[in-house]
């Protein structure tokens, strides 16, 4: 098994519409904070809450947006595999599609002159690795793949909003500055002591 921080050489990453619903269920498991979120934090509507939607509802929304089992259709994420074992999920899509993110004031908007409706800017909002497969460099590989996916689908830029310090276990799904730096993103703003806005502009020659 690779040591901490080393990446498994056989990690395979595909668009989530090439994965199955069972694959995503296996990544999140039956307990823990991931099951109660299913990457819907920034997808909830105005005044909606996790409790109101229910875990089953959150799962259904994620599967619908991911387009699982429909490779010809759109998707909102990527899935990583070690061999045939699904081990990681990454959410990446146009920033404007995250309703909750558009409504937030401080992250990513405070101190920035940005068009919230600009669909050419994509966002990576979640990097979730299955229990038992963490600390092996998988999130870093998923972030790198997500940057490439956004670019291939016409993005002019991609952003992420990692936590800089004091992250609790429930917070780590947003990624770390080091993870996104490895994917080519650079800090463009710090709206709070704990959060950064990191970005890669492809038009500016980013990889």
N, C-alpha and C. Protein backbone atom coordinates (compact mmCIF):
# COMPACT_ATOMS: atom_id res chain seq x y z
N UNK A 1 0.84 -1.19 0.00
CA UNK A 1 0.00 0.00 0.00
C UNK A 1 0.88 1.25 0.00
N UNK A 2 0.53 2.28 -0.79
CA UNK A 2 1.33 3.50 -0.81
C UNK A 2 1.37 4.15 0.56
N UNK A 3 2.45 4.86 0.84
CA UNK A 3 2.55 5.59 2.09
C UNK A 3 1.74 6.88 2.00
N UNK A 4 1.59 7.56 3.14
CA UNK A 4 0.82 8.79 3.19
C UNK A 4 1.31 9.79 2.14
N UNK A 5 0.36 10.31 1.35
CA UNK A 5 0.68 11.31 0.36
C UNK A 5 1.08 10.75 -0.99
N UNK A 6 1.39 9.46 -1.08
CA UNK A 6 1.73 8.85 -2.36
C UNK A 6 0.47 8.39 -3.07
N UNK A 7 0.50 8.48 -4.39
CA UNK A 7 -0.69 8.16 -5.17
C UNK A 7 -0.60 6.75 -5.75
N UNK A 8 -1.71 6.02 -5.64
CA UNK A 8 -1.77 4.70 -6.26
C UNK A 8 -1.66 4.84 -7.77
N UNK A 9 -0.75 4.09 -8.38
CA UNK A 9 -0.48 4.22 -9.80
C UNK A 9 -1.66 3.81 -10.67
N UNK A 10 -2.52 2.95 -10.15
CA UNK A 10 -3.61 2.44 -10.98
C UNK A 10 -4.92 3.18 -10.75
N UNK A 11 -4.89 4.40 -10.21
CA UNK A 11 -6.11 5.18 -10.04
C UNK A 11 -6.65 5.56 -11.42
N UNK A 12 -7.92 5.26 -11.64
CA UNK A 12 -8.59 5.56 -12.90
C UNK A 12 -9.74 6.53 -12.60
N UNK A 13 -9.81 7.63 -13.36
CA UNK A 13 -10.81 8.66 -13.10
C UNK A 13 -11.66 8.85 -14.34
N UNK A 14 -13.00 8.81 -14.17
CA UNK A 14 -13.92 8.92 -15.29
C UNK A 14 -15.01 9.93 -14.96
N UNK A 15 -15.66 10.52 -15.98
CA UNK A 15 -16.84 11.35 -15.72
C UNK A 15 -17.89 10.54 -14.98
N UNK A 16 -18.62 11.19 -14.09
CA UNK A 16 -19.57 10.47 -13.24
C UNK A 16 -20.71 9.83 -14.02
N UNK A 17 -20.99 10.30 -15.23
CA UNK A 17 -22.05 9.66 -16.01
C UNK A 17 -21.63 8.30 -16.55
N UNK A 18 -20.36 7.96 -16.38
CA UNK A 18 -19.89 6.61 -16.73
C UNK A 18 -19.82 5.69 -15.51
N UNK A 19 -20.20 6.22 -14.37
CA UNK A 19 -20.27 5.43 -13.14
C UNK A 19 -21.72 5.01 -12.91
N UNK A 20 -21.92 4.14 -11.92
CA UNK A 20 -23.28 3.71 -11.58
C UNK A 20 -23.70 4.33 -10.25
N UNK A 21 -24.98 4.30 -10.00
CA UNK A 21 -25.49 4.77 -8.71
C UNK A 21 -24.88 3.97 -7.57
N UNK A 22 -24.69 2.67 -7.78
CA UNK A 22 -24.09 1.82 -6.75
C UNK A 22 -22.65 2.24 -6.46
N UNK A 23 -21.94 2.72 -7.49
CA UNK A 23 -20.57 3.18 -7.27
C UNK A 23 -20.54 4.38 -6.32
N UNK A 24 -21.42 5.36 -6.56
CA UNK A 24 -21.46 6.53 -5.69
C UNK A 24 -21.90 6.15 -4.29
N UNK A 25 -22.86 5.24 -4.18
CA UNK A 25 -23.30 4.79 -2.86
C UNK A 25 -22.15 4.15 -2.09
N UNK A 26 -21.32 3.39 -2.79
CA UNK A 26 -20.19 2.73 -2.14
C UNK A 26 -19.18 3.75 -1.63
N UNK A 27 -18.96 4.83 -2.37
CA UNK A 27 -18.02 5.86 -1.96
C UNK A 27 -18.47 6.53 -0.67
N UNK A 28 -19.75 6.84 -0.57
CA UNK A 28 -20.26 7.55 0.61
C UNK A 28 -20.53 6.63 1.79
N UNK A 29 -20.80 5.38 1.54
CA UNK A 29 -21.07 4.45 2.63
C UNK A 29 -22.43 4.68 3.27
N UNK A 30 -22.65 4.04 4.39
CA UNK A 30 -23.96 4.10 5.04
C UNK A 30 -23.96 4.96 6.29
N UNK A 31 -22.79 5.44 6.70
CA UNK A 31 -22.70 6.30 7.88
C UNK A 31 -21.74 7.46 7.58
N UNK A 32 -21.70 8.42 8.49
CA UNK A 32 -20.75 9.52 8.34
C UNK A 32 -21.35 10.73 7.66
N UNK A 33 -20.61 11.85 7.67
CA UNK A 33 -21.15 13.12 7.16
C UNK A 33 -21.41 13.12 5.66
N UNK A 34 -20.64 12.34 4.89
CA UNK A 34 -20.83 12.32 3.45
C UNK A 34 -22.21 11.85 3.05
N UNK A 35 -22.71 10.84 3.75
CA UNK A 35 -24.03 10.31 3.42
C UNK A 35 -25.11 11.35 3.66
N UNK A 36 -24.91 12.24 4.64
CA UNK A 36 -25.91 13.25 4.94
C UNK A 36 -25.78 14.51 4.13
N UNK A 37 -24.82 14.53 3.19
CA UNK A 37 -24.61 15.71 2.35
C UNK A 37 -24.76 15.37 0.87
N UNK A 38 -24.07 14.33 0.44
CA UNK A 38 -24.07 13.88 -0.95
C UNK A 38 -23.76 15.03 -1.91
N UNK A 39 -22.86 15.90 -1.47
CA UNK A 39 -22.37 16.99 -2.30
C UNK A 39 -23.47 17.96 -2.71
N UNK A 40 -24.44 18.16 -1.85
CA UNK A 40 -25.56 19.04 -2.16
C UNK A 40 -25.55 20.34 -1.37
N UNK A 41 -24.48 20.61 -0.64
CA UNK A 41 -24.44 21.82 0.19
C UNK A 41 -24.74 23.08 -0.62
N UNK A 42 -24.12 23.20 -1.78
CA UNK A 42 -24.32 24.40 -2.61
C UNK A 42 -25.41 24.22 -3.66
N UNK A 43 -26.14 23.10 -3.59
CA UNK A 43 -27.21 22.85 -4.54
C UNK A 43 -28.60 23.04 -3.95
N UNK A 44 -28.66 23.24 -2.63
CA UNK A 44 -29.95 23.43 -2.00
C UNK A 44 -30.58 24.75 -2.43
N UNK A 45 -31.90 24.76 -2.57
CA UNK A 45 -32.61 25.97 -2.94
C UNK A 45 -32.74 26.93 -1.77
N UNK A 46 -33.25 28.10 -2.04
CA UNK A 46 -33.42 29.12 -1.01
C UNK A 46 -34.29 28.59 0.13
N UNK A 47 -33.78 28.67 1.35
CA UNK A 47 -34.46 28.24 2.57
C UNK A 47 -34.58 26.73 2.71
N UNK A 48 -33.98 25.98 1.81
CA UNK A 48 -33.97 24.53 1.98
C UNK A 48 -32.89 24.14 2.99
N UNK A 49 -33.08 22.99 3.64
CA UNK A 49 -32.10 22.47 4.58
C UNK A 49 -31.90 20.99 4.31
N UNK A 50 -30.76 20.47 4.80
CA UNK A 50 -30.52 19.04 4.65
C UNK A 50 -31.64 18.23 5.29
N UNK A 51 -32.08 18.66 6.46
CA UNK A 51 -33.13 17.92 7.17
C UNK A 51 -34.42 17.88 6.36
N UNK A 52 -34.75 18.98 5.70
CA UNK A 52 -36.00 19.04 4.95
C UNK A 52 -35.95 18.15 3.70
N UNK A 53 -34.79 18.06 3.08
CA UNK A 53 -34.68 17.29 1.85
C UNK A 53 -34.60 15.79 2.13
N UNK A 54 -33.98 15.38 3.23
CA UNK A 54 -33.75 14.00 3.66
C UNK A 54 -32.57 13.39 2.90
N UNK A 55 -31.96 12.39 3.49
CA UNK A 55 -30.81 11.73 2.89
C UNK A 55 -31.17 11.10 1.55
N UNK A 56 -32.37 10.50 1.48
CA UNK A 56 -32.79 9.88 0.22
C UNK A 56 -32.97 10.93 -0.87
N UNK A 57 -33.49 12.07 -0.50
CA UNK A 57 -33.66 13.14 -1.47
C UNK A 57 -32.34 13.70 -1.96
N UNK A 58 -31.38 13.85 -1.05
CA UNK A 58 -30.06 14.34 -1.43
C UNK A 58 -29.37 13.36 -2.39
N UNK A 59 -29.51 12.07 -2.08
CA UNK A 59 -28.94 11.05 -2.96
C UNK A 59 -29.55 11.14 -4.35
N UNK A 60 -30.86 11.26 -4.42
CA UNK A 60 -31.54 11.32 -5.71
C UNK A 60 -31.10 12.54 -6.52
N UNK A 61 -30.93 13.65 -5.85
CA UNK A 61 -30.48 14.85 -6.55
C UNK A 61 -29.07 14.70 -7.10
N UNK A 62 -28.19 14.12 -6.28
CA UNK A 62 -26.83 13.95 -6.76
C UNK A 62 -26.79 13.01 -7.96
N UNK A 63 -27.49 11.90 -7.87
CA UNK A 63 -27.48 10.94 -8.97
C UNK A 63 -28.05 11.54 -10.25
N UNK A 64 -29.07 12.37 -10.09
CA UNK A 64 -29.67 13.02 -11.26
C UNK A 64 -28.68 13.96 -11.93
N UNK A 65 -28.00 14.80 -11.12
CA UNK A 65 -27.04 15.75 -11.67
C UNK A 65 -25.80 15.04 -12.24
N UNK A 66 -25.42 13.94 -11.60
CA UNK A 66 -24.25 13.21 -12.07
C UNK A 66 -24.53 12.46 -13.37
N UNK A 67 -25.81 12.15 -13.62
CA UNK A 67 -26.17 11.43 -14.83
C UNK A 67 -25.65 10.02 -14.86
N UNK A 68 -25.59 9.38 -13.70
CA UNK A 68 -25.02 8.03 -13.61
C UNK A 68 -25.66 7.07 -14.60
N UNK A 69 -24.83 6.33 -15.30
CA UNK A 69 -25.32 5.34 -16.24
C UNK A 69 -25.75 5.89 -17.59
N UNK A 70 -25.52 7.20 -17.82
CA UNK A 70 -25.91 7.82 -19.09
C UNK A 70 -24.70 8.54 -19.70
N UNK A 71 -23.74 7.80 -20.24
CA UNK A 71 -22.48 8.39 -20.68
C UNK A 71 -22.63 9.44 -21.78
N UNK A 72 -23.73 9.44 -22.50
CA UNK A 72 -23.92 10.42 -23.56
C UNK A 72 -24.49 11.73 -23.04
N UNK A 73 -24.92 11.75 -21.80
CA UNK A 73 -25.55 12.94 -21.24
C UNK A 73 -24.60 13.79 -20.43
N UNK A 74 -25.11 14.88 -19.84
CA UNK A 74 -24.28 15.77 -19.02
C UNK A 74 -23.96 15.15 -17.67
N UNK A 75 -22.98 15.70 -17.01
CA UNK A 75 -22.63 15.24 -15.68
C UNK A 75 -22.09 16.40 -14.86
N UNK A 76 -22.06 16.23 -13.55
CA UNK A 76 -21.60 17.30 -12.66
C UNK A 76 -20.39 16.87 -11.82
N UNK A 77 -19.75 15.78 -12.21
CA UNK A 77 -18.64 15.33 -11.38
C UNK A 77 -17.81 14.24 -12.03
N UNK A 78 -16.87 13.72 -11.23
CA UNK A 78 -15.99 12.67 -11.67
C UNK A 78 -15.87 11.63 -10.56
N UNK A 79 -15.59 10.40 -10.96
CA UNK A 79 -15.47 9.28 -10.02
C UNK A 79 -14.12 8.61 -10.23
N UNK A 80 -13.43 8.32 -9.12
CA UNK A 80 -12.15 7.64 -9.18
C UNK A 80 -12.25 6.20 -8.74
N UNK A 81 -11.48 5.33 -9.41
CA UNK A 81 -11.47 3.89 -9.11
C UNK A 81 -10.05 3.40 -8.90
N UNK A 82 -9.90 2.49 -7.96
CA UNK A 82 -8.69 1.70 -7.84
C UNK A 82 -9.06 0.29 -8.26
N UNK A 83 -8.59 -0.11 -9.43
CA UNK A 83 -9.10 -1.34 -10.01
C UNK A 83 -10.58 -1.14 -10.32
N UNK A 84 -11.40 -2.03 -9.79
CA UNK A 84 -12.84 -1.90 -9.99
C UNK A 84 -13.54 -1.28 -8.78
N UNK A 85 -12.78 -0.84 -7.81
CA UNK A 85 -13.36 -0.31 -6.57
C UNK A 85 -13.54 1.21 -6.67
N UNK A 86 -14.78 1.70 -6.56
CA UNK A 86 -14.99 3.15 -6.57
C UNK A 86 -14.51 3.76 -5.26
N UNK A 87 -13.62 4.76 -5.35
CA UNK A 87 -13.00 5.27 -4.13
C UNK A 87 -13.14 6.78 -3.93
N UNK A 88 -13.55 7.53 -4.95
CA UNK A 88 -13.57 8.99 -4.77
C UNK A 88 -14.56 9.66 -5.71
N UNK A 89 -15.06 10.78 -5.25
CA UNK A 89 -15.98 11.64 -6.00
C UNK A 89 -15.41 13.06 -6.02
N UNK A 90 -15.57 13.76 -7.14
CA UNK A 90 -15.21 15.17 -7.24
C UNK A 90 -16.33 15.90 -7.95
N UNK A 91 -16.82 16.99 -7.36
CA UNK A 91 -17.86 17.81 -7.97
C UNK A 91 -17.22 18.93 -8.77
N UNK A 92 -17.56 19.03 -10.05
CA UNK A 92 -17.05 20.10 -10.89
C UNK A 92 -18.08 20.41 -11.97
N UNK A 93 -18.46 21.65 -12.04
CA UNK A 93 -19.42 22.12 -13.05
C UNK A 93 -19.42 23.64 -13.06
N UNK A 94 -20.16 24.28 -13.98
CA UNK A 94 -20.18 25.74 -14.00
C UNK A 94 -20.57 26.33 -12.64
N UNK A 95 -19.84 27.33 -12.22
CA UNK A 95 -20.06 27.95 -10.91
C UNK A 95 -21.50 28.43 -10.75
N UNK A 96 -22.10 28.92 -11.82
CA UNK A 96 -23.46 29.46 -11.76
C UNK A 96 -24.50 28.39 -11.45
N UNK A 97 -24.14 27.10 -11.62
CA UNK A 97 -25.09 26.02 -11.35
C UNK A 97 -25.21 25.70 -9.87
N UNK A 98 -24.33 26.26 -9.05
CA UNK A 98 -24.41 26.05 -7.61
C UNK A 98 -25.27 27.15 -6.99
N UNK A 99 -26.56 26.87 -6.81
CA UNK A 99 -27.47 27.89 -6.31
C UNK A 99 -27.00 28.49 -4.99
N UNK A 100 -26.60 27.63 -4.08
CA UNK A 100 -26.17 28.10 -2.78
C UNK A 100 -24.90 28.93 -2.86
N UNK A 101 -24.00 28.55 -3.73
CA UNK A 101 -22.77 29.30 -3.90
C UNK A 101 -23.05 30.69 -4.45
N UNK A 102 -23.98 30.78 -5.37
CA UNK A 102 -24.33 32.08 -5.94
C UNK A 102 -24.92 33.00 -4.87
N UNK A 103 -25.64 32.41 -3.90
CA UNK A 103 -26.27 33.24 -2.85
C UNK A 103 -25.28 33.66 -1.77
N UNK A 104 -24.19 32.92 -1.59
CA UNK A 104 -23.25 33.22 -0.52
C UNK A 104 -22.57 34.57 -0.79
N UNK A 105 -22.35 35.34 0.28
CA UNK A 105 -21.72 36.65 0.09
C UNK A 105 -20.21 36.58 0.20
N UNK A 106 -19.69 35.97 1.25
CA UNK A 106 -18.25 36.04 1.50
C UNK A 106 -17.45 35.12 0.59
N UNK A 107 -17.88 33.90 0.47
CA UNK A 107 -17.15 32.95 -0.37
C UNK A 107 -18.05 32.52 -1.52
N UNK A 108 -17.70 32.86 -2.75
CA UNK A 108 -16.44 33.45 -3.19
C UNK A 108 -16.51 34.94 -3.55
N UNK A 109 -17.56 35.64 -3.16
CA UNK A 109 -17.82 36.94 -3.78
C UNK A 109 -17.24 38.16 -3.05
N UNK A 110 -17.07 38.10 -1.77
CA UNK A 110 -16.65 39.26 -1.01
C UNK A 110 -15.31 39.82 -1.54
N UNK A 111 -15.31 41.11 -1.86
CA UNK A 111 -14.10 41.75 -2.32
C UNK A 111 -13.73 41.48 -3.77
N UNK A 112 -14.63 40.87 -4.53
CA UNK A 112 -14.35 40.55 -5.93
C UNK A 112 -15.46 41.09 -6.83
N UNK A 113 -15.10 41.55 -7.99
CA UNK A 113 -16.06 42.03 -8.98
C UNK A 113 -16.28 40.91 -9.99
N UNK A 114 -17.21 40.02 -9.68
CA UNK A 114 -17.45 38.84 -10.49
C UNK A 114 -18.90 38.76 -10.93
N UNK A 115 -19.12 38.31 -12.14
CA UNK A 115 -20.47 38.07 -12.64
C UNK A 115 -20.91 36.69 -12.16
N UNK A 116 -21.88 36.66 -11.28
CA UNK A 116 -22.31 35.38 -10.71
C UNK A 116 -23.01 34.48 -11.72
N UNK A 117 -23.43 35.03 -12.84
CA UNK A 117 -24.13 34.24 -13.86
C UNK A 117 -23.18 33.73 -14.95
N UNK A 118 -21.90 34.03 -14.84
CA UNK A 118 -20.93 33.65 -15.87
C UNK A 118 -20.69 32.14 -15.86
N UNK A 119 -21.20 31.46 -16.87
CA UNK A 119 -21.09 30.01 -16.93
C UNK A 119 -19.75 29.53 -17.49
N UNK A 120 -18.90 30.47 -17.89
CA UNK A 120 -17.59 30.05 -18.37
C UNK A 120 -16.62 29.80 -17.21
N UNK A 121 -17.00 30.23 -16.01
CA UNK A 121 -16.19 29.95 -14.82
C UNK A 121 -16.76 28.71 -14.14
N UNK A 122 -15.93 27.70 -13.98
CA UNK A 122 -16.34 26.46 -13.33
C UNK A 122 -15.82 26.45 -11.90
N UNK A 123 -16.39 25.57 -11.08
CA UNK A 123 -15.98 25.47 -9.69
C UNK A 123 -15.84 24.01 -9.28
N UNK A 124 -14.80 23.73 -8.51
CA UNK A 124 -14.62 22.42 -7.87
C UNK A 124 -15.00 22.62 -6.41
N UNK A 125 -16.11 22.05 -6.00
CA UNK A 125 -16.63 22.32 -4.66
C UNK A 125 -16.50 21.15 -3.68
N UNK A 126 -16.19 19.97 -4.19
CA UNK A 126 -16.14 18.82 -3.28
C UNK A 126 -15.13 17.79 -3.78
N UNK A 127 -14.33 17.29 -2.85
CA UNK A 127 -13.42 16.17 -3.10
C UNK A 127 -13.65 15.18 -1.97
N UNK A 128 -14.34 14.10 -2.26
CA UNK A 128 -14.70 13.16 -1.22
C UNK A 128 -14.09 11.79 -1.51
N UNK A 129 -13.25 11.33 -0.59
CA UNK A 129 -12.60 10.03 -0.75
C UNK A 129 -13.20 9.02 0.23
N UNK A 130 -13.43 7.85 -0.25
CA UNK A 130 -14.05 6.78 0.54
C UNK A 130 -13.20 6.42 1.76
N UNK A 131 -13.88 6.14 2.85
CA UNK A 131 -13.19 5.72 4.06
C UNK A 131 -12.31 4.50 3.78
N UNK A 132 -11.09 4.54 4.29
CA UNK A 132 -10.14 3.46 4.06
C UNK A 132 -9.18 3.74 2.92
N UNK A 133 -9.43 4.80 2.15
CA UNK A 133 -8.58 5.13 1.01
C UNK A 133 -8.02 6.54 1.09
N UNK A 134 -8.12 7.17 2.24
CA UNK A 134 -7.68 8.55 2.38
C UNK A 134 -6.18 8.64 2.65
N UNK A 135 -5.64 9.86 2.49
CA UNK A 135 -4.20 10.12 2.71
C UNK A 135 -3.31 9.34 1.75
N UNK A 136 -3.80 9.15 0.54
CA UNK A 136 -3.03 8.42 -0.48
C UNK A 136 -2.88 9.23 -1.76
N UNK A 137 -3.14 10.54 -1.70
CA UNK A 137 -2.98 11.39 -2.87
C UNK A 137 -4.14 11.36 -3.84
N UNK A 138 -5.24 10.71 -3.47
CA UNK A 138 -6.36 10.56 -4.39
C UNK A 138 -7.04 11.90 -4.65
N UNK A 139 -7.25 12.71 -3.61
CA UNK A 139 -7.91 14.00 -3.82
C UNK A 139 -7.11 14.88 -4.77
N UNK A 140 -5.80 14.84 -4.65
CA UNK A 140 -4.95 15.64 -5.54
C UNK A 140 -5.16 15.21 -6.99
N UNK A 141 -5.17 13.91 -7.23
CA UNK A 141 -5.37 13.41 -8.59
C UNK A 141 -6.76 13.77 -9.11
N UNK A 142 -7.75 13.72 -8.23
CA UNK A 142 -9.11 14.07 -8.64
C UNK A 142 -9.20 15.55 -9.02
N UNK A 143 -8.53 16.41 -8.27
CA UNK A 143 -8.53 17.84 -8.57
C UNK A 143 -7.86 18.11 -9.92
N UNK A 144 -6.75 17.45 -10.17
CA UNK A 144 -6.06 17.62 -11.45
C UNK A 144 -6.96 17.18 -12.61
N UNK A 145 -7.62 16.05 -12.43
CA UNK A 145 -8.53 15.56 -13.48
C UNK A 145 -9.70 16.51 -13.68
N UNK A 146 -10.21 17.09 -12.59
CA UNK A 146 -11.35 18.01 -12.69
C UNK A 146 -10.98 19.26 -13.46
N UNK A 147 -9.77 19.75 -13.27
CA UNK A 147 -9.30 20.92 -14.03
C UNK A 147 -9.29 20.59 -15.52
N UNK A 148 -8.77 19.44 -15.87
CA UNK A 148 -8.75 19.03 -17.26
C UNK A 148 -10.15 18.86 -17.83
N UNK A 149 -11.05 18.30 -17.03
CA UNK A 149 -12.43 18.10 -17.47
C UNK A 149 -13.10 19.43 -17.76
N UNK A 150 -12.92 20.41 -16.86
CA UNK A 150 -13.52 21.73 -17.06
C UNK A 150 -12.99 22.37 -18.33
N UNK A 151 -11.71 22.28 -18.52
CA UNK A 151 -11.11 22.89 -19.71
C UNK A 151 -11.63 22.23 -20.98
N UNK A 152 -11.70 20.92 -21.00
CA UNK A 152 -12.19 20.19 -22.17
C UNK A 152 -13.63 20.55 -22.51
N UNK A 153 -14.39 20.99 -21.50
CA UNK A 153 -15.79 21.33 -21.72
C UNK A 153 -16.01 22.83 -21.86
N UNK A 154 -14.97 23.55 -22.22
CA UNK A 154 -15.11 24.94 -22.60
C UNK A 154 -14.96 25.97 -21.50
N UNK A 155 -14.55 25.57 -20.31
CA UNK A 155 -14.38 26.55 -19.23
C UNK A 155 -13.27 27.53 -19.57
N UNK A 156 -13.48 28.79 -19.20
CA UNK A 156 -12.43 29.80 -19.34
C UNK A 156 -11.57 29.86 -18.09
N UNK A 157 -12.13 29.40 -16.97
CA UNK A 157 -11.42 29.41 -15.70
C UNK A 157 -12.08 28.39 -14.78
N UNK A 158 -11.31 27.96 -13.77
CA UNK A 158 -11.86 27.06 -12.76
C UNK A 158 -11.43 27.56 -11.40
N UNK A 159 -12.34 27.48 -10.43
CA UNK A 159 -12.09 27.96 -9.07
C UNK A 159 -12.31 26.85 -8.05
N UNK A 160 -11.74 27.07 -6.86
CA UNK A 160 -11.97 26.21 -5.71
C UNK A 160 -11.88 27.08 -4.46
N UNK A 161 -12.43 26.57 -3.34
CA UNK A 161 -12.56 27.38 -2.13
C UNK A 161 -12.13 26.60 -0.90
N UNK A 162 -10.84 26.28 -0.83
CA UNK A 162 -10.35 25.42 0.26
C UNK A 162 -10.32 26.11 1.61
N UNK A 163 -10.29 25.30 2.64
CA UNK A 163 -10.12 25.79 4.00
C UNK A 163 -8.63 25.80 4.33
N UNK A 164 -8.16 26.89 4.91
CA UNK A 164 -6.73 27.06 5.13
C UNK A 164 -6.24 26.44 6.43
N UNK A 165 -7.07 26.44 7.47
CA UNK A 165 -6.61 25.94 8.76
C UNK A 165 -7.80 25.59 9.64
N UNK A 166 -7.55 24.79 10.64
CA UNK A 166 -8.59 24.46 11.60
C UNK A 166 -9.73 23.65 11.02
N UNK A 167 -9.48 22.95 9.91
CA UNK A 167 -10.55 22.19 9.29
C UNK A 167 -10.93 21.00 10.15
N UNK A 168 -12.22 20.85 10.40
CA UNK A 168 -12.74 19.67 11.06
C UNK A 168 -12.94 18.58 10.01
N UNK A 169 -13.19 17.38 10.46
CA UNK A 169 -13.37 16.26 9.53
C UNK A 169 -14.48 16.54 8.52
N UNK A 170 -15.55 17.20 8.97
CA UNK A 170 -16.68 17.47 8.09
C UNK A 170 -16.36 18.52 7.05
N UNK A 171 -15.26 19.27 7.22
CA UNK A 171 -14.90 20.36 6.32
C UNK A 171 -13.94 19.95 5.21
N UNK A 172 -13.29 18.83 5.38
CA UNK A 172 -12.18 18.50 4.49
C UNK A 172 -12.62 18.19 3.06
N UNK A 173 -13.89 17.98 2.86
CA UNK A 173 -14.36 17.68 1.51
C UNK A 173 -14.15 18.85 0.55
N UNK A 174 -13.92 20.07 1.05
CA UNK A 174 -13.72 21.20 0.15
C UNK A 174 -12.29 21.25 -0.38
N UNK A 175 -11.40 20.43 0.14
CA UNK A 175 -10.02 20.38 -0.33
C UNK A 175 -9.12 21.32 0.44
N UNK A 176 -7.83 21.18 0.21
CA UNK A 176 -6.82 22.01 0.87
C UNK A 176 -6.10 22.87 -0.16
N UNK A 177 -5.47 23.97 0.29
CA UNK A 177 -4.70 24.78 -0.66
C UNK A 177 -3.64 23.97 -1.42
N UNK A 178 -2.96 23.06 -0.73
CA UNK A 178 -1.92 22.26 -1.39
C UNK A 178 -2.50 21.38 -2.48
N UNK A 179 -3.69 20.84 -2.24
CA UNK A 179 -4.35 19.99 -3.24
C UNK A 179 -4.60 20.77 -4.52
N UNK A 180 -5.13 21.97 -4.39
CA UNK A 180 -5.46 22.74 -5.59
C UNK A 180 -4.24 23.40 -6.22
N UNK A 181 -3.23 23.70 -5.42
CA UNK A 181 -1.98 24.21 -5.99
C UNK A 181 -1.35 23.17 -6.90
N UNK A 182 -1.46 21.89 -6.50
CA UNK A 182 -0.93 20.81 -7.33
C UNK A 182 -1.67 20.70 -8.66
N UNK A 183 -2.92 21.20 -8.69
CA UNK A 183 -3.72 21.17 -9.91
C UNK A 183 -3.55 22.45 -10.73
N UNK A 184 -2.67 23.35 -10.27
CA UNK A 184 -2.38 24.55 -11.04
C UNK A 184 -3.12 25.80 -10.62
N UNK A 185 -3.95 25.72 -9.57
CA UNK A 185 -4.70 26.89 -9.12
C UNK A 185 -3.82 27.77 -8.23
N UNK A 186 -4.12 29.06 -8.22
CA UNK A 186 -3.38 30.03 -7.42
C UNK A 186 -4.36 30.85 -6.58
N UNK A 187 -3.93 31.29 -5.42
CA UNK A 187 -4.78 32.10 -4.56
C UNK A 187 -5.01 33.46 -5.19
N UNK A 188 -6.30 33.85 -5.30
CA UNK A 188 -6.64 35.17 -5.83
C UNK A 188 -7.34 36.05 -4.80
N UNK A 189 -7.79 35.43 -3.72
CA UNK A 189 -8.48 36.22 -2.69
C UNK A 189 -8.59 35.38 -1.42
N UNK A 190 -8.62 36.05 -0.27
CA UNK A 190 -8.85 35.39 1.00
C UNK A 190 -9.98 36.11 1.72
N UNK A 191 -11.22 35.63 1.57
CA UNK A 191 -12.37 36.32 2.16
C UNK A 191 -12.48 36.17 3.66
N UNK A 192 -11.79 35.21 4.26
CA UNK A 192 -11.83 35.03 5.71
C UNK A 192 -10.53 34.38 6.15
N UNK A 193 -10.33 34.25 7.46
CA UNK A 193 -9.12 33.64 7.97
C UNK A 193 -8.99 32.19 7.55
N UNK A 194 -10.12 31.52 7.33
CA UNK A 194 -10.10 30.09 7.08
C UNK A 194 -10.30 29.71 5.61
N UNK A 195 -10.73 30.66 4.77
CA UNK A 195 -11.08 30.28 3.41
C UNK A 195 -10.29 31.07 2.38
N UNK A 196 -9.91 30.38 1.31
CA UNK A 196 -9.26 30.99 0.16
C UNK A 196 -10.13 30.84 -1.07
N UNK A 197 -9.96 31.75 -2.01
CA UNK A 197 -10.45 31.56 -3.37
C UNK A 197 -9.23 31.29 -4.23
N UNK A 198 -9.18 30.11 -4.84
CA UNK A 198 -8.08 29.75 -5.72
C UNK A 198 -8.63 29.59 -7.13
N UNK A 199 -7.81 29.95 -8.12
CA UNK A 199 -8.33 30.02 -9.49
C UNK A 199 -7.23 29.74 -10.51
N UNK A 200 -7.65 29.17 -11.62
CA UNK A 200 -6.79 28.99 -12.78
C UNK A 200 -7.53 29.52 -13.99
N UNK A 201 -6.96 30.52 -14.65
CA UNK A 201 -7.53 31.08 -15.89
C UNK A 201 -6.85 30.43 -17.07
N UNK A 202 -7.59 29.69 -17.88
CA UNK A 202 -7.00 29.00 -19.01
C UNK A 202 -6.55 29.98 -20.09
N UNK A 203 -7.28 31.06 -20.27
CA UNK A 203 -6.93 32.04 -21.30
C UNK A 203 -5.59 32.70 -21.00
N UNK A 204 -5.19 32.66 -19.70
CA UNK A 204 -3.94 33.28 -19.30
C UNK A 204 -2.76 32.34 -19.45
N UNK A 205 -3.04 31.17 -20.06
CA UNK A 205 -1.95 30.23 -20.32
C UNK A 205 -1.81 29.15 -19.28
N UNK A 206 -2.86 28.96 -18.40
CA UNK A 206 -2.78 27.92 -17.40
C UNK A 206 -2.80 26.55 -18.03
N UNK A 207 -2.19 25.60 -17.35
CA UNK A 207 -2.15 24.24 -17.88
C UNK A 207 -3.44 23.51 -17.59
